[in-house]
Amino acid sequence: MEQLRHLKPSSGPSTVLAFLRAQNYRFVTPTPATHARNNARAGNERAQSLTDAFGWSRPFARSLLPEAMFDKLRDGEVVFPSGAEWKSTVRVSSLEGELFLHSAFPTLSPEAVFFGPDTYRFARAIKHNLAAEPRRLRRALDLGCGSGAGGVVVAKHAACGELVMSDINESALLLTRCNAAAAGLSNVTTVNSDLFAHIDGEFDMIVANPPYLNDPLQRTYRHGGGELGSALSIRIARAAKDRLSPGGTLLLYTGSPIVAGEDRLLQAIEQDFSASDFRWSYEEMDPDVFGEELETPAYSHVERIAAVVLTVRKPGVLAC
């Protein structure tokens, strides 16, 4: 059961982040399949630790938390009754020395806020890009920010004047604000927007980790549109051309279906950019992700799904 829209930031999400940080909490979010396998093991039916409760999303006894902390989380609707026990509406994961709130497992709601192995790969791609060419960013945008992890990583690895975090999901924006504040960021603006619809101006860097699967339920955090889930990624790549400042960079981490040995997303990108004066590169970061999707009808002709990084540079020089 997800209740993210009902969370009360001042007494709930921010409180749990501060509490878990003080407890030296750490949790690395695995794939949904790995998460389910771990929870199905004998002895894992109930939480025995904070990691079990807020990482593995297992039901826990009220006594697991100090009484005052339990009361704050209950009043903030971070925890809710589950039979004779309690469960958390959120998970908390570790990345780059920070803690991030996102949706509890399993993520069934259309408005779930995603965080998982793709988030770690996305963060690594951003970090490597900024390390390879250190630069000051007047404005940066995390487009479809989800938990806000991408934007936080940008701010941790580059001097950034203004950081805009956008998403179509209000639950994502709520958690993004909490996560950014917990990471010590004060230059963040959050915007509810369908891609660039309600976002003004140009950016020195745009990062995006959009959904890229064909989801029969069309959940916002998972469905990428089009025949095989690539439609949203293609829309972002095309639209970002007009939103990059001179010398600005788009870093798009996404997935691509491989059909008969051909990368469908790469074919579309080549068609859009090969005749332009934008510099771009395309790298396959992981050759095989979400293999379980190949068992679904939509992917019956797909050989594999690859995790890829598209980097696009607009001609010109960044203003200092």
C-alpha atoms as a PDB file:
ATOM      1  CA  MET A   1       0.000   0.000   0.000  1.00  0.00           C
ATOM      2  CA  GLU A   2       1.497   3.337  -1.074  1.00  0.00           C
ATOM      3  CA  GLN A   3       0.437   6.534   0.642  1.00  0.00           C
ATOM      4  CA  LEU A   4       3.073   8.967  -0.590  1.00  0.00           C
ATOM      5  CA  ARG A   5       0.609  11.753  -1.380  1.00  0.00           C
ATOM      6  CA  HIS A   6      -0.409  11.827   2.278  1.00  0.00           C
ATOM      7  CA  LEU A   7       3.107  12.186   3.682  1.00  0.00           C
ATOM      8  CA  LYS A   8       3.721  15.227   5.848  1.00  0.00           C
ATOM      9  CA  PRO A   9       7.279  16.394   5.048  1.00  0.00           C
ATOM     10  CA  SER A  10       7.885  18.418   8.207  1.00  0.00           C
ATOM     11  CA  SER A  11       6.982  15.563  10.550  1.00  0.00           C
ATOM     12  CA  GLY A  12       7.539  12.477   8.427  1.00  0.00           C
ATOM     13  CA  PRO A  13      10.035  11.982   5.575  1.00  0.00           C
ATOM     14  CA  SER A  14      12.572  14.511   6.826  1.00  0.00           C
ATOM     15  CA  THR A  15      12.379  12.995  10.287  1.00  0.00           C
ATOM     16  CA  VAL A  16      13.060   9.448   9.117  1.00  0.00           C
ATOM     17  CA  LEU A  17      16.074  10.582   7.057  1.00  0.00           C
ATOM     18  CA  ALA A  18      17.621  12.384  10.022  1.00  0.00           C
ATOM     19  CA  PHE A  19      16.929   9.438  12.325  1.00  0.00           C
ATOM     20  CA  LEU A  20      18.401   6.829   9.984  1.00  0.00           C
ATOM     21  CA  ARG A  21      21.474   8.939   9.254  1.00  0.00           C
ATOM     22  CA  ALA A  22      22.139   9.152  13.005  1.00  0.00           C
ATOM     23  CA  GLN A  23      21.956   5.342  13.129  1.00  0.00           C
ATOM     24  CA  ASN A  24      24.575   4.997  10.326  1.00  0.00           C
ATOM     25  CA  TYR A  25      21.922   3.319   8.207  1.00  0.00           C
ATOM     26  CA  ARG A  26      22.936   1.926   4.798  1.00  0.00           C
ATOM     27  CA  PHE A  27      20.935   0.075   2.157  1.00  0.00           C
ATOM     28  CA  VAL A  28      21.633  -0.648  -1.529  1.00  0.00           C
ATOM     29  CA  THR A  29      18.422  -1.198  -3.499  1.00  0.00           C
ATOM     30  CA  PRO A  30      18.502  -4.336  -5.678  1.00  0.00           C
ATOM     31  CA  THR A  31      16.279  -5.270  -8.601  1.00  0.00           C
ATOM     32  CA  PRO A  32      12.629  -6.077  -7.796  1.00  0.00           C
ATOM     33  CA  ALA A  33      13.310  -9.765  -8.528  1.00  0.00           C
ATOM     34  CA  THR A  34      16.212  -9.878  -6.066  1.00  0.00           C
ATOM     35  CA  HIS A  35      14.188  -7.957  -3.502  1.00  0.00           C
ATOM     36  CA  ALA A  36      11.326 -10.465  -3.774  1.00  0.00           C
ATOM     37  CA  ARG A  37      13.688 -13.448  -3.500  1.00  0.00           C
ATOM     38  CA  ASN A  38      15.285 -12.083  -0.336  1.00  0.00           C
ATOM     39  CA  ASN A  39      11.951 -11.359   1.300  1.00  0.00           C
ATOM     40  CA  ALA A  40      10.662 -14.840   0.420  1.00  0.00           C
ATOM     41  CA  ARG A  41      13.440 -16.601   2.351  1.00  0.00           C
ATOM     42  CA  ALA A  42      12.545 -18.293   5.606  1.00  0.00           C
ATOM     43  CA  GLY A  43      13.167 -15.984   8.541  1.00  0.00           C
ATOM     44  CA  ASN A  44      12.679 -12.818   6.503  1.00  0.00           C
ATOM     45  CA  GLU A  45       8.947 -12.543   7.073  1.00  0.00           C
ATOM     46  CA  ARG A  46       9.372  -9.766   9.655  1.00  0.00           C
ATOM     47  CA  ALA A  47      11.870  -7.004  10.216  1.00  0.00           C
ATOM     48  CA  GLN A  48      14.589  -7.534  12.788  1.00  0.00           C
ATOM     49  CA  SER A  49      16.463  -4.297  12.049  1.00  0.00           C
ATOM     50  CA  LEU A  50      16.012  -0.805  10.647  1.00  0.00           C
ATOM     51  CA  THR A  51      17.394  -2.031   7.320  1.00  0.00           C
ATOM     52  CA  ASP A  52      14.729  -4.730   7.227  1.00  0.00           C
ATOM     53  CA  ALA A  53      11.980  -2.178   7.899  1.00  0.00           C
ATOM     54  CA  PHE A  54      13.096   0.762   5.758  1.00  0.00           C
ATOM     55  CA  GLY A  55      15.163  -1.032   3.117  1.00  0.00           C
ATOM     56  CA  TRP A  56      13.549  -4.431   2.615  1.00  0.00           C
ATOM     57  CA  SER A  57      10.021  -3.107   3.366  1.00  0.00           C
ATOM     58  CA  ARG A  58       9.248  -5.873   5.862  1.00  0.00           C
ATOM     59  CA  PRO A  59       6.559  -5.515   8.552  1.00  0.00           C
ATOM     60  CA  PHE A  60       7.964  -4.589  11.934  1.00  0.00           C
ATOM     61  CA  ALA A  61       6.943  -4.467  15.571  1.00  0.00           C
ATOM     62  CA  ARG A  62       6.306  -1.055  17.100  1.00  0.00           C
ATOM     63  CA  SER A  63       9.121  -1.740  19.561  1.00  0.00           C
ATOM     64  CA  LEU A  64      11.694  -1.598  16.731  1.00  0.00           C
ATOM     65  CA  LEU A  65      11.592   2.215  16.958  1.00  0.00           C
ATOM     66  CA  PRO A  66      12.034   4.498  19.956  1.00  0.00           C
ATOM     67  CA  GLU A  67       8.582   5.548  21.142  1.00  0.00           C
ATOM     68  CA  ALA A  68       8.975   9.230  20.300  1.00  0.00           C
ATOM     69  CA  MET A  69      10.297   8.423  16.830  1.00  0.00           C
ATOM     70  CA  PHE A  70       7.502   5.962  16.173  1.00  0.00           C
ATOM     71  CA  ASP A  71       4.920   8.600  17.113  1.00  0.00           C
ATOM     72  CA  LYS A  72       6.463  11.138  14.720  1.00  0.00           C
ATOM     73  CA  LEU A  73       6.551   8.688  11.825  1.00  0.00           C
ATOM     74  CA  ARG A  74       3.012   7.515  12.493  1.00  0.00           C
ATOM     75  CA  ASP A  75       1.727  11.091  12.700  1.00  0.00           C
ATOM     76  CA  GLY A  76       3.637  11.938   9.505  1.00  0.00           C
ATOM     77  CA  GLU A  77       2.060   8.880   7.834  1.00  0.00           C
ATOM     78  CA  VAL A  78       5.459   7.373   7.057  1.00  0.00           C
ATOM     79  CA  VAL A  79       4.376   4.153   8.788  1.00  0.00           C
ATOM     80  CA  PHE A  80       0.945   2.520   8.727  1.00  0.00           C
ATOM     81  CA  PRO A  81      -0.695  -0.509  10.416  1.00  0.00           C
ATOM     82  CA  SER A  82      -0.247  -3.897   8.773  1.00  0.00           C
ATOM     83  CA  GLY A  83      -2.219  -6.414  10.818  1.00  0.00           C
ATOM     84  CA  ALA A  84      -0.685  -6.497  14.270  1.00  0.00           C
ATOM     85  CA  GLU A  85       2.499  -4.863  12.955  1.00  0.00           C
ATOM     86  CA  TRP A  86       3.550  -1.804  10.985  1.00  0.00           C
ATOM     87  CA  LYS A  87       5.057  -1.063   7.576  1.00  0.00           C
ATOM     88  CA  SER A  88       6.830   1.897   6.025  1.00  0.00           C
ATOM     89  CA  THR A  89       5.373   3.735   3.022  1.00  0.00           C
ATOM     90  CA  VAL A  90       8.918   4.509   1.873  1.00  0.00           C
ATOM     91  CA  ARG A  91      12.263   2.851   1.382  1.00  0.00           C
ATOM     92  CA  VAL A  92      15.512   4.627   2.167  1.00  0.00           C
ATOM     93  CA  SER A  93      18.591   3.896   0.063  1.00  0.00           C
ATOM     94  CA  SER A  94      22.254   4.919   0.148  1.00  0.00           C
ATOM     95  CA  LEU A  95      24.020   6.660  -2.733  1.00  0.00           C
ATOM     96  CA  GLU A  96      27.115   8.872  -2.831  1.00  0.00           C
ATOM     97  CA  GLY A  97      27.164   9.128   0.962  1.00  0.00           C
ATOM     98  CA  GLU A  98      23.569  10.412   1.061  1.00  0.00           C
ATOM     99  CA  LEU A  99      20.232   8.800   1.912  1.00  0.00           C
ATOM    100  CA  PHE A 100      17.287   8.912  -0.481  1.00  0.00           C
ATOM    101  CA  LEU A 101      13.598   8.348   0.148  1.00  0.00           C
ATOM    102  CA  HIS A 102      11.631   6.478  -2.511  1.00  0.00           C
ATOM    103  CA  SER A 103       8.654   4.130  -2.754  1.00  0.00           C
ATOM    104  CA  ALA A 104       8.328   1.043  -0.585  1.00  0.00           C
ATOM    105  CA  PHE A 105       8.440  -2.411  -2.147  1.00  0.00           C
ATOM    106  CA  PRO A 106       6.547  -3.568  -4.142  1.00  0.00           C
ATOM    107  CA  THR A 107       6.119  -0.534  -6.379  1.00  0.00           C
ATOM    108  CA  LEU A 108       2.619  -1.152  -7.707  1.00  0.00           C
ATOM    109  CA  SER A 109       1.148   2.355  -7.684  1.00  0.00           C
ATOM    110  CA  PRO A 110       1.092   4.372 -10.933  1.00  0.00           C
ATOM    111  CA  GLU A 111       2.721   7.180  -8.928  1.00  0.00           C
ATOM    112  CA  ALA A 112       5.525   5.131  -7.399  1.00  0.00           C
ATOM    113  CA  VAL A 113       8.887   6.886  -7.071  1.00  0.00           C
ATOM    114  CA  PHE A 114      11.624   4.740  -8.576  1.00  0.00           C
ATOM    115  CA  PHE A 115      15.089   4.047  -7.189  1.00  0.00           C
ATOM    116  CA  GLY A 116      17.162   0.958  -8.017  1.00  0.00           C
ATOM    117  CA  PRO A 117      20.162  -0.403  -9.917  1.00  0.00           C
ATOM    118  CA  ASP A 118      19.453   2.002 -12.793  1.00  0.00           C
ATOM    119  CA  THR A 119      19.831   4.894 -10.332  1.00  0.00           C
ATOM    120  CA  TYR A 120      23.323   3.739  -9.376  1.00  0.00           C
ATOM    121  CA  ARG A 121      24.344   3.418 -13.039  1.00  0.00           C
ATOM    122  CA  PHE A 122      22.832   6.838 -13.801  1.00  0.00           C
ATOM    123  CA  ALA A 123      24.748   8.401 -10.917  1.00  0.00           C
ATOM    124  CA  ARG A 124      27.993   6.786 -12.065  1.00  0.00           C
ATOM    125  CA  ALA A 125      27.527   8.147 -15.597  1.00  0.00           C
ATOM    126  CA  ILE A 126      26.978  11.690 -14.277  1.00  0.00           C
ATOM    127  CA  LYS A 127      29.979  11.457 -11.967  1.00  0.00           C
ATOM    128  CA  HIS A 128      32.278  10.219 -14.739  1.00  0.00           C
ATOM    129  CA  ASN A 129      31.085  12.925 -17.143  1.00  0.00           C
ATOM    130  CA  LEU A 130      31.775  15.729 -14.686  1.00  0.00           C
ATOM    131  CA  ALA A 131      35.101  14.237 -13.603  1.00  0.00           C
ATOM    132  CA  ALA A 132      36.286  13.992 -17.205  1.00  0.00           C
ATOM    133  CA  GLU A 133      35.591  17.695 -17.777  1.00  0.00           C
ATOM    134  CA  PRO A 134      35.173  19.730 -14.582  1.00  0.00           C
ATOM    135  CA  ARG A 135      33.054  22.809 -15.179  1.00  0.00           C
ATOM    136  CA  ARG A 136      30.873  25.369 -13.482  1.00  0.00           C
ATOM    137  CA  LEU A 137      27.165  25.080 -14.255  1.00  0.00           C
ATOM    138  CA  ARG A 138      25.062  28.219 -14.083  1.00  0.00           C
ATOM    139  CA  ARG A 139      21.844  26.180 -14.401  1.00  0.00           C
ATOM    140  CA  ALA A 140      21.338  22.402 -14.335  1.00  0.00           C
ATOM    141  CA  LEU A 141      18.167  20.348 -14.780  1.00  0.00           C
ATOM    142  CA  ASP A 142      17.245  16.871 -13.562  1.00  0.00           C
ATOM    143  CA  LEU A 143      14.381  16.103 -15.956  1.00  0.00           C
ATOM    144  CA  GLY A 144      11.903  13.525 -14.613  1.00  0.00           C
ATOM    145  CA  CYS A 145      13.815  13.599 -11.371  1.00  0.00           C
ATOM    146  CA  GLY A 146      12.041  10.814  -9.425  1.00  0.00           C
ATOM    147  CA  SER A 147      13.840  10.763  -6.069  1.00  0.00           C
ATOM    148  CA  GLY A 148      16.137  13.591  -7.171  1.00  0.00           C
ATOM    149  CA  ALA A 149      19.230  11.383  -7.085  1.00  0.00           C
ATOM    150  CA  GLY A 150      20.552  12.599 -10.438  1.00  0.00           C
ATOM    151  CA  GLY A 151      20.332  16.253  -9.500  1.00  0.00           C
ATOM    152  CA  VAL A 152      21.962  15.663  -6.123  1.00  0.00           C
ATOM    153  CA  VAL A 153      24.886  13.890  -7.807  1.00  0.00           C
ATOM    154  CA  VAL A 154      25.276  16.808 -10.241  1.00  0.00           C
ATOM    155  CA  ALA A 155      25.411  19.260  -7.330  1.00  0.00           C
ATOM    156  CA  LYS A 156      27.949  17.119  -5.439  1.00  0.00           C
ATOM    157  CA  HIS A 157      30.349  16.947  -8.388  1.00  0.00           C
ATOM    158  CA  ALA A 158      30.058  20.392  -9.993  1.00  0.00           C
ATOM    159  CA  ALA A 159      29.717  23.994  -8.855  1.00  0.00           C
ATOM    160  CA  CYS A 160      26.077  24.640  -9.697  1.00  0.00           C
ATOM    161  CA  GLY A 161      24.330  27.997  -9.474  1.00  0.00           C
ATOM    162  CA  GLU A 162      20.710  26.845  -9.857  1.00  0.00           C
ATOM    163  CA  LEU A 163      19.435  23.272  -9.844  1.00  0.00           C
ATOM    164  CA  VAL A 164      15.965  22.610 -11.245  1.00  0.00           C
ATOM    165  CA  MET A 165      14.280  19.284 -10.483  1.00  0.00           C
ATOM    166  CA  SER A 166      11.189  18.459 -12.535  1.00  0.00           C
ATOM    167  CA  ASP A 167       8.711  15.610 -12.621  1.00  0.00           C
ATOM    168  CA  ILE A 168       5.109  14.979 -13.630  1.00  0.00           C
ATOM    169  CA  ASN A 169       4.567  13.124 -10.353  1.00  0.00           C
ATOM    170  CA  GLU A 170       3.841  15.251  -7.262  1.00  0.00           C
ATOM    171  CA  SER A 171       4.903  12.397  -4.977  1.00  0.00           C
ATOM    172  CA  ALA A 172       8.327  12.432  -6.645  1.00  0.00           C
ATOM    173  CA  LEU A 173       8.656  16.181  -6.121  1.00  0.00           C
ATOM    174  CA  LEU A 174       7.750  15.838  -2.451  1.00  0.00           C
ATOM    175  CA  LEU A 175      10.470  13.233  -1.884  1.00  0.00           C
ATOM    176  CA  THR A 176      12.939  15.156  -4.048  1.00  0.00           C
ATOM    177  CA  ARG A 177      12.576  18.211  -1.823  1.00  0.00           C
ATOM    178  CA  CYS A 178      13.207  16.088   1.268  1.00  0.00           C
ATOM    179  CA  ASN A 179      16.189  14.310  -0.289  1.00  0.00           C
ATOM    180  CA  ALA A 180      17.770  17.509  -1.598  1.00  0.00           C
ATOM    181  CA  ALA A 181      17.394  19.241   1.772  1.00  0.00           C
ATOM    182  CA  ALA A 182      18.892  16.228   3.564  1.00  0.00           C
ATOM    183  CA  ALA A 183      21.868  16.412   1.184  1.00  0.00           C
ATOM    184  CA  GLY A 184      22.390  20.046   2.197  1.00  0.00           C
ATOM    185  CA  LEU A 185      21.298  21.632  -1.100  1.00  0.00           C
ATOM    186  CA  SER A 186      19.735  25.083  -0.887  1.00  0.00           C
ATOM    187  CA  ASN A 187      19.705  26.091  -4.567  1.00  0.00           C
ATOM    188  CA  VAL A 188      16.945  23.707  -5.686  1.00  0.00           C
ATOM    189  CA  THR A 189      13.715  24.576  -7.494  1.00  0.00           C
ATOM    190  CA  THR A 190      11.116  21.846  -8.087  1.00  0.00           C
ATOM    191  CA  VAL A 191       8.667  22.061 -11.004  1.00  0.00           C
ATOM    192  CA  ASN A 192       5.711  19.883 -11.946  1.00  0.00           C
ATOM    193  CA  SER A 193       6.153  19.512 -15.692  1.00  0.00           C
ATOM    194  CA  ASP A 194       5.570  17.079 -18.538  1.00  0.00           C
ATOM    195  CA  LEU A 195       9.096  17.202 -19.965  1.00  0.00           C
ATOM    196  CA  PHE A 196       9.849  20.888 -20.734  1.00  0.00           C
ATOM    197  CA  ALA A 197       6.247  22.144 -20.805  1.00  0.00           C
ATOM    198  CA  HIS A 198       6.506  24.264 -17.639  1.00  0.00           C
ATOM    199  CA  ILE A 199      10.265  24.792 -17.550  1.00  0.00           C
ATOM    200  CA  ASP A 200      11.787  28.074 -18.705  1.00  0.00           C
ATOM    201  CA  GLY A 201      15.164  28.894 -20.155  1.00  0.00           C
ATOM    202  CA  GLU A 202      18.330  27.074 -21.116  1.00  0.00           C
ATOM    203  CA  PHE A 203      20.628  24.835 -19.101  1.00  0.00           C
ATOM    204  CA  ASP A 204      24.345  24.136 -19.017  1.00  0.00           C
ATOM    205  CA  MET A 205      23.572  20.511 -18.148  1.00  0.00           C
ATOM    206  CA  ILE A 206      20.444  18.388 -18.442  1.00  0.00           C
ATOM    207  CA  VAL A 207      20.412  14.899 -16.953  1.00  0.00           C
ATOM    208  CA  ALA A 208      17.574  12.412 -17.368  1.00  0.00           C
ATOM    209  CA  ASN A 209      16.856   8.803 -16.447  1.00  0.00           C
ATOM    210  CA  PRO A 210      13.415   8.264 -18.006  1.00  0.00           C
ATOM    211  CA  PRO A 211      11.340   5.077 -17.866  1.00  0.00           C
ATOM    212  CA  TYR A 212      12.109   2.905 -20.880  1.00  0.00           C
ATOM    213  CA  LEU A 213       9.928  -0.201 -20.694  1.00  0.00           C
ATOM    214  CA  ASN A 214       6.622  -1.081 -22.300  1.00  0.00           C
ATOM    215  CA  ASP A 215       4.517  -1.387 -19.144  1.00  0.00           C
ATOM    216  CA  PRO A 216       1.013  -2.842 -19.643  1.00  0.00           C
ATOM    217  CA  LEU A 217      -0.154  -0.826 -16.593  1.00  0.00           C
ATOM    218  CA  GLN A 218       1.462   2.345 -17.989  1.00  0.00           C
ATOM    219  CA  ARG A 219       2.838   3.336 -14.595  1.00  0.00           C
ATOM    220  CA  THR A 220       4.487   6.752 -14.773  1.00  0.00           C
ATOM    221  CA  TYR A 221       7.823   5.634 -13.339  1.00  0.00           C
ATOM    222  CA  ARG A 222       8.080   2.589 -15.631  1.00  0.00           C
ATOM    223  CA  HIS A 223       6.324   3.170 -18.974  1.00  0.00           C
ATOM    224  CA  GLY A 224       8.467   4.706 -21.705  1.00  0.00           C
ATOM    225  CA  GLY A 225       5.851   4.703 -24.457  1.00  0.00           C
ATOM    226  CA  GLY A 226       6.002   3.501 -28.026  1.00  0.00           C
ATOM    227  CA  GLU A 227       6.207  -0.075 -29.205  1.00  0.00           C
ATOM    228  CA  LEU A 228       9.144  -1.040 -26.987  1.00  0.00           C
ATOM    229  CA  GLY A 229       9.386   1.761 -24.442  1.00  0.00           C
ATOM    230  CA  SER A 230      11.823   4.116 -26.199  1.00  0.00           C
ATOM    231  CA  ALA A 231       9.414   6.889 -27.217  1.00  0.00           C
ATOM    232  CA  LEU A 232      10.009   9.052 -24.135  1.00  0.00           C
ATOM    233  CA  SER A 233      13.799   8.829 -24.433  1.00  0.00           C
ATOM    234  CA  ILE A 234      13.608   9.934 -28.076  1.00  0.00           C
ATOM    235  CA  ARG A 235      11.330  12.863 -27.148  1.00  0.00           C
ATOM    236  CA  ILE A 236      13.787  14.014 -24.487  1.00  0.00           C
ATOM    237  CA  ALA A 237      16.783  13.841 -26.825  1.00  0.00           C
ATOM    238  CA  ARG A 238      14.962  15.866 -29.484  1.00  0.00           C
ATOM    239  CA  ALA A 239      13.498  18.473 -27.135  1.00  0.00           C
ATOM    240  CA  ALA A 240      16.752  19.023 -25.242  1.00  0.00           C
ATOM    241  CA  LYS A 241      18.413  20.434 -28.377  1.00  0.00           C
ATOM    242  CA  ASP A 242      16.556  23.704 -27.876  1.00  0.00           C
ATOM    243  CA  ARG A 243      17.069  23.826 -24.106  1.00  0.00           C
ATOM    244  CA  LEU A 244      20.839  23.513 -23.914  1.00  0.00           C
ATOM    245  CA  SER A 245      22.869  26.678 -23.576  1.00  0.00           C
ATOM    246  CA  PRO A 246      25.897  27.054 -25.906  1.00  0.00           C
ATOM    247  CA  GLY A 247      28.392  24.401 -24.830  1.00  0.00           C
ATOM    248  CA  GLY A 248      25.720  22.683 -22.725  1.00  0.00           C
ATOM    249  CA  THR A 249      25.444  18.913 -22.233  1.00  0.00           C
ATOM    250  CA  LEU A 250      22.582  16.439 -22.201  1.00  0.00           C
ATOM    251  CA  LEU A 251      23.298  13.189 -20.369  1.00  0.00           C
ATOM    252  CA  LEU A 252      20.513  10.681 -20.976  1.00  0.00           C
ATOM    253  CA  TYR A 253      20.698   7.321 -19.207  1.00  0.00           C
ATOM    254  CA  THR A 254      18.071   4.908 -20.517  1.00  0.00           C
ATOM    255  CA  GLY A 255      17.430   1.452 -21.937  1.00  0.00           C
ATOM    256  CA  SER A 256      17.228   0.250 -25.505  1.00  0.00           C
ATOM    257  CA  PRO A 257      15.676  -2.875 -27.041  1.00  0.00           C
ATOM    258  CA  ILE A 258      18.012  -4.934 -29.211  1.00  0.00           C
ATOM    259  CA  VAL A 259      16.115  -6.621 -32.068  1.00  0.00           C
ATOM    260  CA  ALA A 260      17.906  -8.912 -34.517  1.00  0.00           C
ATOM    261  CA  GLY A 261      21.206  -7.469 -33.354  1.00  0.00           C
ATOM    262  CA  GLU A 262      20.128  -3.865 -33.985  1.00  0.00           C
ATOM    263  CA  ASP A 263      19.862  -1.176 -31.322  1.00  0.00           C
ATOM    264  CA  ARG A 264      16.479   0.451 -31.956  1.00  0.00           C
ATOM    265  CA  LEU A 265      17.161   3.574 -29.896  1.00  0.00           C
ATOM    266  CA  LEU A 266      20.556   4.142 -31.502  1.00  0.00           C
ATOM    267  CA  GLN A 267      18.933   3.984 -34.933  1.00  0.00           C
ATOM    268  CA  ALA A 268      16.538   6.780 -33.947  1.00  0.00           C
ATOM    269  CA  ILE A 269      19.322   8.883 -32.411  1.00  0.00           C
ATOM    270  CA  GLU A 270      21.476   8.524 -35.522  1.00  0.00           C
ATOM    271  CA  GLN A 271      18.585   9.701 -37.661  1.00  0.00           C
ATOM    272  CA  ASP A 272      18.097  12.799 -35.477  1.00  0.00           C
ATOM    273  CA  PHE A 273      21.702  13.812 -34.828  1.00  0.00           C
ATOM    274  CA  SER A 274      23.897  12.540 -37.650  1.00  0.00           C
ATOM    275  CA  ALA A 275      23.237  15.601 -39.827  1.00  0.00           C
ATOM    276  CA  SER A 276      23.327  18.121 -36.967  1.00  0.00           C
ATOM    277  CA  ASP A 277      26.277  20.098 -35.613  1.00  0.00           C
ATOM    278  CA  PHE A 278      25.776  18.662 -32.118  1.00  0.00           C
ATOM    279  CA  ARG A 279      28.585  16.448 -30.844  1.00  0.00           C
ATOM    280  CA  TRP A 280      27.264  13.216 -29.407  1.00  0.00           C
ATOM    281  CA  SER A 281      28.345   9.815 -28.144  1.00  0.00           C
ATOM    282  CA  TYR A 282      26.425   6.661 -27.313  1.00  0.00           C
ATOM    283  CA  GLU A 283      27.680   3.971 -24.954  1.00  0.00           C
ATOM    284  CA  GLU A 284      26.241   0.613 -23.933  1.00  0.00           C
ATOM    285  CA  MET A 285      26.791   0.591 -20.162  1.00  0.00           C
ATOM    286  CA  ASP A 286      25.196  -2.791 -19.411  1.00  0.00           C
ATOM    287  CA  PRO A 287      24.288  -5.280 -22.156  1.00  0.00           C
ATOM    288  CA  ASP A 288      21.459  -7.025 -20.328  1.00  0.00           C
ATOM    289  CA  VAL A 289      18.932  -5.465 -17.933  1.00  0.00           C
ATOM    290  CA  PHE A 290      15.319  -6.384 -17.099  1.00  0.00           C
ATOM    291  CA  GLY A 291      15.714  -9.794 -18.744  1.00  0.00           C
ATOM    292  CA  GLU A 292      12.401 -10.905 -17.259  1.00  0.00           C
ATOM    293  CA  GLU A 293      10.629  -8.547 -19.695  1.00  0.00           C
ATOM    294  CA  LEU A 294      11.585 -10.871 -22.547  1.00  0.00           C
ATOM    295  CA  GLU A 295       8.959 -13.303 -21.267  1.00  0.00           C
ATOM    296  CA  THR A 296       6.167 -10.792 -21.911  1.00  0.00           C
ATOM    297  CA  PRO A 297       4.266 -10.557 -25.218  1.00  0.00           C
ATOM    298  CA  ALA A 298       5.519  -7.032 -25.971  1.00  0.00           C
ATOM    299  CA  TYR A 299       9.133  -8.224 -25.955  1.00  0.00           C
ATOM    300  CA  SER A 300       8.662 -11.625 -27.587  1.00  0.00           C
ATOM    301  CA  HIS A 301      10.901 -10.602 -30.523  1.00  0.00           C
ATOM    302  CA  VAL A 302      13.513  -8.695 -28.485  1.00  0.00           C
ATOM    303  CA  GLU A 303      16.901 -10.329 -27.888  1.00  0.00           C
ATOM    304  CA  ARG A 304      17.872  -8.217 -24.890  1.00  0.00           C
ATOM    305  CA  ILE A 305      17.453  -4.786 -23.310  1.00  0.00           C
ATOM    306  CA  ALA A 306      20.652  -2.776 -22.945  1.00  0.00           C
ATOM    307  CA  ALA A 307      21.338   0.074 -20.523  1.00  0.00           C
ATOM    308  CA  VAL A 308      22.834   2.940 -22.533  1.00  0.00           C
ATOM    309  CA  VAL A 309      24.145   6.477 -22.055  1.00  0.00           C
ATOM    310  CA  LEU A 310      23.624   9.174 -24.676  1.00  0.00           C
ATOM    311  CA  THR A 311      25.764  12.295 -24.262  1.00  0.00           C
ATOM    312  CA  VAL A 312      25.020  15.328 -26.432  1.00  0.00           C
ATOM    313  CA  ARG A 313      27.033  18.572 -26.523  1.00  0.00           C
ATOM    314  CA  LYS A 314      25.657  21.754 -28.081  1.00  0.00           C
ATOM    315  CA  PRO A 315      28.141  23.815 -30.116  1.00  0.00           C
ATOM    316  CA  GLY A 316      29.642  26.777 -28.290  1.00  0.00           C
ATOM    317  CA  VAL A 317      31.395  27.520 -25.028  1.00  0.00           C
ATOM    318  CA  LEU A 318      29.823  27.637 -21.587  1.00  0.00           C
ATOM    319  CA  ALA A 319      29.629  31.147 -20.153  1.00  0.00           C
ATOM    320  CA  CYS A 320      31.607  31.576 -16.939  1.00  0.00           C
END
